[in-house]
Amino acid sequence: MLSHEAADYLRDAVASGQSVLVSGATQAGKTTMLMALLDAISHSERIVTVEETFELALHRPDHVGMQCRGESLEGTGEVTLRRLVKEALRMRPDRLVVGRCEKPKRSICS
């Protein structure tokens, strides 16, 4: 639940193009909150979503959804979230939504 003031603040933040981070525990309503925030974006804006698995169902005229892919049995073909974000930026989105960022399973510094 949000107060009317908090809802107005978030709606204004999204409408003015500010970045918003939605985080919380499992089953806390993060996806529901994100969908509500996405509804505050003008339908004239291009939205690109990048997700590990598709969860965001946007029915908008200019939405592109991108999904990660694991490696094949041969160990090739993996498409990571990091790579998709780079590719998404080339698509010149007005809004870029990155879903569920988690700590990598293996360290890139080791």
PDB file of N, CA and C in Angstrom:
ATOM      1  N   MET A   1       0.843  -1.178   0.000  1.00  0.00           N
ATOM      2  CA  MET A   1       0.000   0.000   0.000  1.00  0.00           C
ATOM      3  C   MET A   1       0.886   1.238   0.000  1.00  0.00           C
ATOM      4  N   LEU A   2       0.441   2.202  -0.735  1.00  0.00           N
ATOM      5  CA  LEU A   2       1.127   3.485  -0.806  1.00  0.00           C
ATOM      6  C   LEU A   2       0.169   4.592  -0.390  1.00  0.00           C
ATOM      7  N   SER A   3       0.738   5.602   0.208  1.00  0.00           N
ATOM      8  CA  SER A   3      -0.077   6.789   0.472  1.00  0.00           C
ATOM      9  C   SER A   3      -0.296   7.511  -0.861  1.00  0.00           C
ATOM     10  N   HIS A   4      -1.281   8.373  -0.906  1.00  0.00           N
ATOM     11  CA  HIS A   4      -1.530   9.143  -2.129  1.00  0.00           C
ATOM     12  C   HIS A   4      -0.324  10.017  -2.464  1.00  0.00           C
ATOM     13  N   GLU A   5       0.332  10.541  -1.434  1.00  0.00           N
ATOM     14  CA  GLU A   5       1.505  11.384  -1.656  1.00  0.00           C
ATOM     15  C   GLU A   5       2.646  10.584  -2.287  1.00  0.00           C
ATOM     16  N   ALA A   6       2.876   9.372  -1.800  1.00  0.00           N
ATOM     17  CA  ALA A   6       3.938   8.526  -2.352  1.00  0.00           C
ATOM     18  C   ALA A   6       3.625   8.136  -3.795  1.00  0.00           C
ATOM     19  N   ALA A   7       2.373   7.798  -4.070  1.00  0.00           N
ATOM     20  CA  ALA A   7       1.971   7.431  -5.428  1.00  0.00           C
ATOM     21  C   ALA A   7       2.151   8.616  -6.372  1.00  0.00           C
ATOM     22  N   ASP A   8       1.760   9.810  -5.939  1.00  0.00           N
ATOM     23  CA  ASP A   8       1.927  11.008  -6.760  1.00  0.00           C
ATOM     24  C   ASP A   8       3.406  11.292  -7.018  1.00  0.00           C
ATOM     25  N   TYR A   9       4.226  11.114  -5.983  1.00  0.00           N
ATOM     26  CA  TYR A   9       5.674  11.342  -6.117  1.00  0.00           C
ATOM     27  C   TYR A   9       6.273  10.398  -7.162  1.00  0.00           C
ATOM     28  N   LEU A  10       5.926   9.118  -7.081  1.00  0.00           N
ATOM     29  CA  LEU A  10       6.458   8.136  -8.030  1.00  0.00           C
ATOM     30  C   LEU A  10       5.944   8.395  -9.444  1.00  0.00           C
ATOM     31  N   ARG A  11       4.677   8.729  -9.570  1.00  0.00           N
ATOM     32  CA  ARG A  11       4.102   9.019 -10.881  1.00  0.00           C
ATOM     33  C   ARG A  11       4.812  10.220 -11.512  1.00  0.00           C
ATOM     34  N   ASP A  12       5.045  11.261 -10.720  1.00  0.00           N
ATOM     35  CA  ASP A  12       5.739  12.446 -11.223  1.00  0.00           C
ATOM     36  C   ASP A  12       7.186  12.135 -11.590  1.00  0.00           C
ATOM     37  N   ALA A  13       7.848  11.287 -10.790  1.00  0.00           N
ATOM     38  CA  ALA A  13       9.236  10.913 -11.068  1.00  0.00           C
ATOM     39  C   ALA A  13       9.331  10.194 -12.408  1.00  0.00           C
ATOM     40  N   VAL A  14       8.436   9.263 -12.654  1.00  0.00           N
ATOM     41  CA  VAL A  14       8.442   8.515 -13.914  1.00  0.00           C
ATOM     42  C   VAL A  14       8.082   9.438 -15.075  1.00  0.00           C
ATOM     43  N   ALA A  15       7.082  10.267 -14.886  1.00  0.00           N
ATOM     44  CA  ALA A  15       6.650  11.170 -15.964  1.00  0.00           C
ATOM     45  C   ALA A  15       7.745  12.154 -16.348  1.00  0.00           C
ATOM     46  N   SER A  16       8.596  12.540 -15.393  1.00  0.00           N
ATOM     47  CA  SER A  16       9.673  13.490 -15.683  1.00  0.00           C
ATOM     48  C   SER A  16      10.954  12.805 -16.167  1.00  0.00           C
ATOM     49  N   GLY A  17      10.941  11.482 -16.295  1.00  0.00           N
ATOM     50  CA  GLY A  17      12.080  10.756 -16.849  1.00  0.00           C
ATOM     51  C   GLY A  17      13.139  10.345 -15.847  1.00  0.00           C
ATOM     52  N   GLN A  18      12.848  10.427 -14.562  1.00  0.00           N
ATOM     53  CA  GLN A  18      13.830  10.033 -13.557  1.00  0.00           C
ATOM     54  C   GLN A  18      13.950   8.512 -13.492  1.00  0.00           C
ATOM     55  N   SER A  19      15.101   8.048 -13.019  1.00  0.00           N
ATOM     56  CA  SER A  19      15.317   6.614 -12.829  1.00  0.00           C
ATOM     57  C   SER A  19      14.681   6.178 -11.520  1.00  0.00           C
ATOM     58  N   VAL A  20      14.103   4.990 -11.528  1.00  0.00           N
ATOM     59  CA  VAL A  20      13.470   4.437 -10.339  1.00  0.00           C
ATOM     60  C   VAL A  20      13.949   3.005 -10.171  1.00  0.00           C
ATOM     61  N   LEU A  21      14.373   2.666  -8.972  1.00  0.00           N
ATOM     62  CA  LEU A  21      14.801   1.312  -8.655  1.00  0.00           C
ATOM     63  C   LEU A  21      13.730   0.665  -7.793  1.00  0.00           C
ATOM     64  N   VAL A  22      13.243  -0.486  -8.229  1.00  0.00           N
ATOM     65  CA  VAL A  22      12.239  -1.228  -7.468  1.00  0.00           C
ATOM     66  C   VAL A  22      12.928  -2.471  -6.932  1.00  0.00           C
ATOM     67  N   SER A  23      12.954  -2.629  -5.613  1.00  0.00           N
ATOM     68  CA  SER A  23      13.582  -3.808  -5.023  1.00  0.00           C
ATOM     69  C   SER A  23      12.746  -4.272  -3.843  1.00  0.00           C
ATOM     70  N   GLY A  24      12.957  -5.526  -3.456  1.00  0.00           N
ATOM     71  CA  GLY A  24      12.221  -6.067  -2.324  1.00  0.00           C
ATOM     72  C   GLY A  24      12.349  -7.573  -2.267  1.00  0.00           C
ATOM     73  N   ALA A  25      11.727  -8.125  -1.256  1.00  0.00           N
ATOM     74  CA  ALA A  25      11.778  -9.565  -1.016  1.00  0.00           C
ATOM     75  C   ALA A  25      10.887 -10.315  -2.011  1.00  0.00           C
ATOM     76  N   THR A  26      11.024 -11.624  -2.030  1.00  0.00           N
ATOM     77  CA  THR A  26      10.192 -12.475  -2.862  1.00  0.00           C
ATOM     78  C   THR A  26       8.726 -12.257  -2.507  1.00  0.00           C
ATOM     79  N   GLN A  27       7.886 -12.157  -3.539  1.00  0.00           N
ATOM     80  CA  GLN A  27       6.444 -11.980  -3.385  1.00  0.00           C
ATOM     81  C   GLN A  27       6.060 -10.660  -2.716  1.00  0.00           C
ATOM     82  N   ALA A  28       6.931  -9.651  -2.809  1.00  0.00           N
ATOM     83  CA  ALA A  28       6.643  -8.353  -2.194  1.00  0.00           C
ATOM     84  C   ALA A  28       5.824  -7.437  -3.103  1.00  0.00           C
ATOM     85  N   GLY A  29       5.670  -7.810  -4.373  1.00  0.00           N
ATOM     86  CA  GLY A  29       4.893  -6.992  -5.297  1.00  0.00           C
ATOM     87  C   GLY A  29       5.742  -6.110  -6.201  1.00  0.00           C
ATOM     88  N   LYS A  30       6.996  -6.497  -6.428  1.00  0.00           N
ATOM     89  CA  LYS A  30       7.895  -5.700  -7.261  1.00  0.00           C
ATOM     90  C   LYS A  30       7.388  -5.587  -8.703  1.00  0.00           C
ATOM     91  N   THR A  31       6.979  -6.698  -9.272  1.00  0.00           N
ATOM     92  CA  THR A  31       6.498  -6.678 -10.654  1.00  0.00           C
ATOM     93  C   THR A  31       5.219  -5.867 -10.767  1.00  0.00           C
ATOM     94  N   THR A  32       4.340  -5.992  -9.803  1.00  0.00           N
ATOM     95  CA  THR A  32       3.104  -5.216  -9.797  1.00  0.00           C
ATOM     96  C   THR A  32       3.409  -3.726  -9.713  1.00  0.00           C
ATOM     97  N   MET A  33       4.344  -3.353  -8.842  1.00  0.00           N
ATOM     98  CA  MET A  33       4.751  -1.948  -8.719  1.00  0.00           C
ATOM     99  C   MET A  33       5.356  -1.446 -10.020  1.00  0.00           C
ATOM    100  N   LEU A  34       6.230  -2.252 -10.626  1.00  0.00           N
ATOM    101  CA  LEU A  34       6.866  -1.856 -11.869  1.00  0.00           C
ATOM    102  C   LEU A  34       5.836  -1.669 -12.978  1.00  0.00           C
ATOM    103  N   MET A  35       4.886  -2.561 -13.073  1.00  0.00           N
ATOM    104  CA  MET A  35       3.841  -2.431 -14.095  1.00  0.00           C
ATOM    105  C   MET A  35       3.034  -1.146 -13.886  1.00  0.00           C
ATOM    106  N   ALA A  36       2.758  -0.802 -12.640  1.00  0.00           N
ATOM    107  CA  ALA A  36       2.039   0.444 -12.348  1.00  0.00           C
ATOM    108  C   ALA A  36       2.880   1.650 -12.763  1.00  0.00           C
ATOM    109  N   LEU A  37       4.186   1.604 -12.492  1.00  0.00           N
ATOM    110  CA  LEU A  37       5.064   2.698 -12.886  1.00  0.00           C
ATOM    111  C   LEU A  37       5.150   2.819 -14.412  1.00  0.00           C
ATOM    112  N   LEU A  38       5.202   1.684 -15.093  1.00  0.00           N
ATOM    113  CA  LEU A  38       5.270   1.700 -16.554  1.00  0.00           C
ATOM    114  C   LEU A  38       4.006   2.297 -17.171  1.00  0.00           C
ATOM    115  N   ASP A  39       2.892   2.149 -16.487  1.00  0.00           N
ATOM    116  CA  ASP A  39       1.645   2.740 -16.975  1.00  0.00           C
ATOM    117  C   ASP A  39       1.688   4.265 -16.965  1.00  0.00           C
ATOM    118  N   ALA A  40       2.577   4.851 -16.175  1.00  0.00           N
ATOM    119  CA  ALA A  40       2.694   6.314 -16.095  1.00  0.00           C
ATOM    120  C   ALA A  40       3.523   6.890 -17.244  1.00  0.00           C
ATOM    121  N   ILE A  41       4.113   6.034 -18.059  1.00  0.00           N
ATOM    122  CA  ILE A  41       4.938   6.490 -19.182  1.00  0.00           C
ATOM    123  C   ILE A  41       4.049   6.755 -20.389  1.00  0.00           C
ATOM    124  N   SER A  42       4.337   7.837 -21.075  1.00  0.00           N
ATOM    125  CA  SER A  42       3.580   8.202 -22.267  1.00  0.00           C
ATOM    126  C   SER A  42       3.664   7.090 -23.316  1.00  0.00           C
ATOM    127  N   HIS A  43       2.572   6.864 -24.029  1.00  0.00           N
ATOM    128  CA  HIS A  43       2.551   5.826 -25.065  1.00  0.00           C
ATOM    129  C   HIS A  43       3.371   6.221 -26.292  1.00  0.00           C
ATOM    130  N   SER A  44       3.855   7.448 -26.323  1.00  0.00           N
ATOM    131  CA  SER A  44       4.690   7.877 -27.443  1.00  0.00           C
ATOM    132  C   SER A  44       6.163   7.519 -27.227  1.00  0.00           C
ATOM    133  N   GLU A  45       6.507   7.034 -26.035  1.00  0.00           N
ATOM    134  CA  GLU A  45       7.901   6.709 -25.730  1.00  0.00           C
ATOM    135  C   GLU A  45       8.220   5.262 -26.075  1.00  0.00           C
ATOM    136  N   ARG A  46       9.452   5.046 -26.541  1.00  0.00           N
ATOM    137  CA  ARG A  46       9.933   3.691 -26.869  1.00  0.00           C
ATOM    138  C   ARG A  46      10.498   3.049 -25.607  1.00  0.00           C
ATOM    139  N   ILE A  47       9.969   1.879 -25.268  1.00  0.00           N
ATOM    140  CA  ILE A  47      10.416   1.145 -24.079  1.00  0.00           C
ATOM    141  C   ILE A  47      11.073  -0.149 -24.522  1.00  0.00           C
ATOM    142  N   VAL A  48      12.282  -0.392 -24.008  1.00  0.00           N
ATOM    143  CA  VAL A  48      12.967  -1.663 -24.234  1.00  0.00           C
ATOM    144  C   VAL A  48      13.118  -2.328 -22.875  1.00  0.00           C
ATOM    145  N   THR A  49      12.639  -3.572 -22.763  1.00  0.00           N
ATOM    146  CA  THR A  49      12.789  -4.321 -21.522  1.00  0.00           C
ATOM    147  C   THR A  49      13.804  -5.434 -21.739  1.00  0.00           C
ATOM    148  N   VAL A  50      14.636  -5.642 -20.721  1.00  0.00           N
ATOM    149  CA  VAL A  50      15.668  -6.678 -20.750  1.00  0.00           C
ATOM    150  C   VAL A  50      15.451  -7.532 -19.512  1.00  0.00           C
ATOM    151  N   GLU A  51      15.198  -8.836 -19.713  1.00  0.00           N
ATOM    152  CA  GLU A  51      14.870  -9.713 -18.589  1.00  0.00           C
ATOM    153  C   GLU A  51      15.551 -11.069 -18.729  1.00  0.00           C
ATOM    154  N   GLU A  52      15.787 -11.702 -17.584  1.00  0.00           N
ATOM    155  CA  GLU A  52      16.297 -13.085 -17.593  1.00  0.00           C
ATOM    156  C   GLU A  52      15.204 -14.014 -18.120  1.00  0.00           C
ATOM    157  N   THR A  53      14.002 -13.851 -17.604  1.00  0.00           N
ATOM    158  CA  THR A  53      12.828 -14.561 -18.112  1.00  0.00           C
ATOM    159  C   THR A  53      11.713 -13.533 -18.251  1.00  0.00           C
ATOM    160  N   PHE A  54      10.911 -13.664 -19.290  1.00  0.00           N
ATOM    161  CA  PHE A  54       9.855 -12.685 -19.525  1.00  0.00           C
ATOM    162  C   PHE A  54       8.847 -12.691 -18.383  1.00  0.00           C
ATOM    163  N   GLU A  55       8.689 -11.543 -17.739  1.00  0.00           N
ATOM    164  CA  GLU A  55       7.677 -11.358 -16.695  1.00  0.00           C
ATOM    165  C   GLU A  55       6.805 -10.149 -16.975  1.00  0.00           C
ATOM    166  N   LEU A  56       7.355  -9.175 -17.682  1.00  0.00           N
ATOM    167  CA  LEU A  56       6.631  -7.931 -17.951  1.00  0.00           C
ATOM    168  C   LEU A  56       5.844  -8.061 -19.242  1.00  0.00           C
ATOM    169  N   ALA A  57       4.544  -7.984 -19.130  1.00  0.00           N
ATOM    170  CA  ALA A  57       3.671  -8.098 -20.294  1.00  0.00           C
ATOM    171  C   ALA A  57       3.154  -6.705 -20.650  1.00  0.00           C
ATOM    172  N   LEU A  58       3.917  -6.008 -21.478  1.00  0.00           N
ATOM    173  CA  LEU A  58       3.522  -4.665 -21.889  1.00  0.00           C
ATOM    174  C   LEU A  58       2.805  -4.743 -23.225  1.00  0.00           C
ATOM    175  N   HIS A  59       1.669  -4.116 -23.279  1.00  0.00           N
ATOM    176  CA  HIS A  59       0.905  -4.062 -24.524  1.00  0.00           C
ATOM    177  C   HIS A  59       0.910  -2.607 -24.977  1.00  0.00           C
ATOM    178  N   ARG A  60       2.027  -2.237 -25.607  1.00  0.00           N
ATOM    179  CA  ARG A  60       2.232  -0.857 -26.028  1.00  0.00           C
ATOM    180  C   ARG A  60       2.675  -0.850 -27.481  1.00  0.00           C
ATOM    181  N   PRO A  61       2.449   0.252 -28.176  1.00  0.00           N
ATOM    182  CA  PRO A  61       2.809   0.292 -29.595  1.00  0.00           C
ATOM    183  C   PRO A  61       4.310   0.231 -29.868  1.00  0.00           C
ATOM    184  N   ASP A  62       5.138   0.742 -28.966  1.00  0.00           N
ATOM    185  CA  ASP A  62       6.588   0.758 -29.226  1.00  0.00           C
ATOM    186  C   ASP A  62       7.346   0.138 -28.066  1.00  0.00           C
ATOM    187  N   HIS A  63       7.169  -1.167 -27.896  1.00  0.00           N
ATOM    188  CA  HIS A  63       7.848  -1.924 -26.842  1.00  0.00           C
ATOM    189  C   HIS A  63       8.619  -3.068 -27.475  1.00  0.00           C
ATOM    190  N   VAL A  64       9.871  -3.217 -27.047  1.00  0.00           N
ATOM    191  CA  VAL A  64      10.697  -4.344 -27.478  1.00  0.00           C
ATOM    192  C   VAL A  64      11.128  -5.089 -26.222  1.00  0.00           C
ATOM    193  N   GLY A  65      10.846  -6.367 -26.159  1.00  0.00           N
ATOM    194  CA  GLY A  65      11.260  -7.197 -25.032  1.00  0.00           C
ATOM    195  C   GLY A  65      12.420  -8.097 -25.428  1.00  0.00           C
ATOM    196  N   MET A  66      13.460  -8.110 -24.600  1.00  0.00           N
ATOM    197  CA  MET A  66      14.632  -8.944 -24.871  1.00  0.00           C
ATOM    198  C   MET A  66      14.838  -9.882 -23.682  1.00  0.00           C
ATOM    199  N   GLN A  67      15.239 -11.120 -23.981  1.00  0.00           N
ATOM    200  CA  GLN A  67      15.391 -12.144 -22.946  1.00  0.00           C
ATOM    201  C   GLN A  67      16.750 -12.826 -23.055  1.00  0.00           C
ATOM    202  N   CYS A  68      17.338 -13.108 -21.894  1.00  0.00           N
ATOM    203  CA  CYS A  68      18.618 -13.825 -21.841  1.00  0.00           C
ATOM    204  C   CYS A  68      18.447 -15.252 -22.359  1.00  0.00           C
ATOM    205  N   ARG A  69      19.575 -15.844 -22.710  1.00  0.00           N
ATOM    206  CA  ARG A  69      19.570 -17.235 -23.158  1.00  0.00           C
ATOM    207  C   ARG A  69      20.778 -17.924 -22.562  1.00  0.00           C
ATOM    208  N   GLY A  70      20.567 -19.105 -22.048  1.00  0.00           N
ATOM    209  CA  GLY A  70      21.662 -19.890 -21.495  1.00  0.00           C
ATOM    210  C   GLY A  70      22.475 -20.542 -22.588  1.00  0.00           C
ATOM    211  N   GLU A  71      23.608 -21.058 -22.203  1.00  0.00           N
ATOM    212  CA  GLU A  71      24.471 -21.698 -23.192  1.00  0.00           C
ATOM    213  C   GLU A  71      23.892 -23.042 -23.610  1.00  0.00           C
ATOM    214  N   SER A  72      24.262 -23.472 -24.796  1.00  0.00           N
ATOM    215  CA  SER A  72      23.799 -24.754 -25.331  1.00  0.00           C
ATOM    216  C   SER A  72      24.580 -25.894 -24.687  1.00  0.00           C
ATOM    217  N   LEU A  73      24.253 -27.101 -25.056  1.00  0.00           N
ATOM    218  CA  LEU A  73      24.971 -28.270 -24.548  1.00  0.00           C
ATOM    219  C   LEU A  73      26.444 -28.237 -24.952  1.00  0.00           C
ATOM    220  N   GLU A  74      26.736 -27.577 -26.045  1.00  0.00           N
ATOM    221  CA  GLU A  74      28.124 -27.459 -26.506  1.00  0.00           C
ATOM    222  C   GLU A  74      28.871 -26.342 -25.772  1.00  0.00           C
ATOM    223  N   GLY A  75      28.165 -25.576 -24.929  1.00  0.00           N
ATOM    224  CA  GLY A  75      28.797 -24.487 -24.185  1.00  0.00           C
ATOM    225  C   GLY A  75      28.870 -23.172 -24.942  1.00  0.00           C
ATOM    226  N   THR A  76      28.053 -23.024 -25.977  1.00  0.00           N
ATOM    227  CA  THR A  76      28.065 -21.797 -26.777  1.00  0.00           C
ATOM    228  C   THR A  76      26.669 -21.187 -26.803  1.00  0.00           C
ATOM    229  N   GLY A  77      26.600 -19.954 -27.305  1.00  0.00           N
ATOM    230  CA  GLY A  77      25.302 -19.333 -27.547  1.00  0.00           C
ATOM    231  C   GLY A  77      24.692 -18.581 -26.379  1.00  0.00           C
ATOM    232  N   GLU A  78      25.416 -18.461 -25.270  1.00  0.00           N
ATOM    233  CA  GLU A  78      24.861 -17.753 -24.124  1.00  0.00           C
ATOM    234  C   GLU A  78      24.700 -16.265 -24.439  1.00  0.00           C
ATOM    235  N   VAL A  79      23.561 -15.705 -24.037  1.00  0.00           N
ATOM    236  CA  VAL A  79      23.308 -14.272 -24.158  1.00  0.00           C
ATOM    237  C   VAL A  79      23.020 -13.772 -22.753  1.00  0.00           C
ATOM    238  N   THR A  80      23.951 -12.976 -22.207  1.00  0.00           N
ATOM    239  CA  THR A  80      23.855 -12.519 -20.828  1.00  0.00           C
ATOM    240  C   THR A  80      23.045 -11.227 -20.718  1.00  0.00           C
ATOM    241  N   LEU A  81      22.621 -10.934 -19.499  1.00  0.00           N
ATOM    242  CA  LEU A  81      21.904  -9.696 -19.224  1.00  0.00           C
ATOM    243  C   LEU A  81      22.776  -8.490 -19.573  1.00  0.00           C
ATOM    244  N   ARG A  82      24.050  -8.574 -19.238  1.00  0.00           N
ATOM    245  CA  ARG A  82      24.985  -7.481 -19.544  1.00  0.00           C
ATOM    246  C   ARG A  82      25.032  -7.210 -21.043  1.00  0.00           C
ATOM    247  N   ARG A  83      25.125  -8.263 -21.837  1.00  0.00           N
ATOM    248  CA  ARG A  83      25.173  -8.102 -23.299  1.00  0.00           C
ATOM    249  C   ARG A  83      23.871  -7.517 -23.828  1.00  0.00           C
ATOM    250  N   LEU A  84      22.744  -7.962 -23.276  1.00  0.00           N
ATOM    251  CA  LEU A  84      21.457  -7.446 -23.736  1.00  0.00           C
ATOM    252  C   LEU A  84      21.290  -5.966 -23.422  1.00  0.00           C
ATOM    253  N   VAL A  85      21.792  -5.535 -22.271  1.00  0.00           N
ATOM    254  CA  VAL A  85      21.706  -4.112 -21.930  1.00  0.00           C
ATOM    255  C   VAL A  85      22.493  -3.294 -22.947  1.00  0.00           C
ATOM    256  N   LYS A  86      23.684  -3.744 -23.301  1.00  0.00           N
ATOM    257  CA  LYS A  86      24.477  -3.038 -24.312  1.00  0.00           C
ATOM    258  C   LYS A  86      23.737  -2.982 -25.647  1.00  0.00           C
ATOM    259  N   GLU A  87      23.146  -4.103 -26.043  1.00  0.00           N
ATOM    260  CA  GLU A  87      22.404  -4.145 -27.306  1.00  0.00           C
ATOM    261  C   GLU A  87      21.162  -3.258 -27.230  1.00  0.00           C
ATOM    262  N   ALA A  88      20.499  -3.246 -26.084  1.00  0.00           N
ATOM    263  CA  ALA A  88      19.288  -2.439 -25.916  1.00  0.00           C
ATOM    264  C   ALA A  88      19.599  -0.950 -26.059  1.00  0.00           C
ATOM    265  N   LEU A  89      20.741  -0.511 -25.558  1.00  0.00           N
ATOM    266  CA  LEU A  89      21.113   0.897 -25.660  1.00  0.00           C
ATOM    267  C   LEU A  89      21.320   1.319 -27.113  1.00  0.00           C
ATOM    268  N   ARG A  90      21.695   0.397 -27.955  1.00  0.00           N
ATOM    269  CA  ARG A  90      21.857   0.692 -29.388  1.00  0.00           C
ATOM    270  C   ARG A  90      20.511   0.886 -30.080  1.00  0.00           C
ATOM    271  N   MET A  91      19.457   0.436 -29.432  1.00  0.00           N
ATOM    272  CA  MET A  91      18.114   0.545 -30.011  1.00  0.00           C
ATOM    273  C   MET A  91      17.479   1.904 -29.728  1.00  0.00           C
ATOM    274  N   ARG A  92      18.221   2.780 -29.069  1.00  0.00           N
ATOM    275  CA  ARG A  92      17.806   4.140 -28.763  1.00  0.00           C
ATOM    276  C   ARG A  92      16.459   4.206 -28.031  1.00  0.00           C
ATOM    277  N   PRO A  93      16.362   3.533 -26.895  1.00  0.00           N
ATOM    278  CA  PRO A  93      15.097   3.576 -26.154  1.00  0.00           C
ATOM    279  C   PRO A  93      14.921   4.910 -25.427  1.00  0.00           C
ATOM    280  N   ASP A  94      13.670   5.309 -25.254  1.00  0.00           N
ATOM    281  CA  ASP A  94      13.375   6.428 -24.354  1.00  0.00           C
ATOM    282  C   ASP A  94      13.471   5.938 -22.918  1.00  0.00           C
ATOM    283  N   ARG A  95      13.075   4.677 -22.720  1.00  0.00           N
ATOM    284  CA  ARG A  95      13.130   4.048 -21.398  1.00  0.00           C
ATOM    285  C   ARG A  95      13.724   2.660 -21.537  1.00  0.00           C
ATOM    286  N   LEU A  96      14.640   2.339 -20.638  1.00  0.00           N
ATOM    287  CA  LEU A  96      15.227   1.002 -20.579  1.00  0.00           C
ATOM    288  C   LEU A  96      14.864   0.406 -19.230  1.00  0.00           C
ATOM    289  N   VAL A  97      14.214  -0.742 -19.254  1.00  0.00           N
ATOM    290  CA  VAL A  97      13.804  -1.427 -18.033  1.00  0.00           C
ATOM    291  C   VAL A  97      14.599  -2.718 -17.935  1.00  0.00           C
ATOM    292  N   VAL A  98      15.380  -2.844 -16.870  1.00  0.00           N
ATOM    293  CA  VAL A  98      16.173  -4.051 -16.647  1.00  0.00           C
ATOM    294  C   VAL A  98      15.517  -4.812 -15.511  1.00  0.00           C
ATOM    295  N   GLY A  99      15.059  -6.012 -15.796  1.00  0.00           N
ATOM    296  CA  GLY A  99      14.357  -6.812 -14.798  1.00  0.00           C
ATOM    297  C   GLY A  99      15.285  -7.730 -14.044  1.00  0.00           C
ATOM    298  N   ARG A 100      15.084  -7.826 -12.774  1.00  0.00           N
ATOM    299  CA  ARG A 100      15.741  -8.756 -11.866  1.00  0.00           C
ATOM    300  C   ARG A 100      17.244  -8.886 -12.072  1.00  0.00           C
ATOM    301  N   CYS A 101      17.974  -7.949 -11.512  1.00  0.00           N
ATOM    302  CA  CYS A 101      19.439  -7.998 -11.535  1.00  0.00           C
ATOM    303  C   CYS A 101      19.898  -8.749 -10.302  1.00  0.00           C
ATOM    304  N   GLU A 102      20.639  -9.805 -10.513  1.00  0.00           N
ATOM    305  CA  GLU A 102      21.139 -10.610  -9.398  1.00  0.00           C
ATOM    306  C   GLU A 102      22.648 -10.680  -9.465  1.00  0.00           C
ATOM    307  N   LYS A 103      23.217 -11.042  -8.358  1.00  0.00           N
ATOM    308  CA  LYS A 103      24.673 -11.217  -8.279  1.00  0.00           C
ATOM    309  C   LYS A 103      25.071 -12.355  -9.221  1.00  0.00           C
ATOM    310  N   PRO A 104      26.132 -12.155 -10.019  1.00  0.00           N
ATOM    311  CA  PRO A 104      26.560 -13.229 -10.934  1.00  0.00           C
ATOM    312  C   PRO A 104      26.939 -14.494 -10.175  1.00  0.00           C
ATOM    313  N   LYS A 105      26.724 -15.635 -10.835  1.00  0.00           N
ATOM    314  CA  LYS A 105      27.046 -16.914 -10.211  1.00  0.00           C
ATOM    315  C   LYS A 105      28.540 -17.118 -10.088  1.00  0.00           C
ATOM    316  N   ARG A 106      29.285 -16.554 -11.000  1.00  0.00           N
ATOM    317  CA  ARG A 106      30.742 -16.658 -10.917  1.00  0.00           C
ATOM    318  C   ARG A 106      31.325 -15.256 -10.987  1.00  0.00           C
ATOM    319  N   SER A 107      32.401 -15.078 -10.292  1.00  0.00           N
ATOM    320  CA  SER A 107      33.022 -13.770 -10.220  1.00  0.00           C
ATOM    321  C   SER A 107      33.770 -13.471 -11.511  1.00  0.00           C
ATOM    322  N   ILE A 108      33.641 -12.255 -11.986  1.00  0.00           N
ATOM    323  CA  ILE A 108      34.391 -11.865 -13.187  1.00  0.00           C
ATOM    324  C   ILE A 108      35.794 -11.395 -12.812  1.00  0.00           C
ATOM    325  N   CYS A 109      36.074 -11.304 -11.509  1.00  0.00           N
ATOM    326  CA  CYS A 109      37.378 -10.823 -11.054  1.00  0.00           C
ATOM    327  C   CYS A 109      38.326 -11.958 -10.672  1.00  0.00           C
ATOM    328  N   SER A 110      37.870 -13.195 -10.693  1.00  0.00           N
ATOM    329  CA  SER A 110      38.721 -14.289 -10.210  1.00  0.00           C
ATOM    330  C   SER A 110      39.773 -14.715 -11.198  1.00  0.00           C
TER     331      SER A 110
END
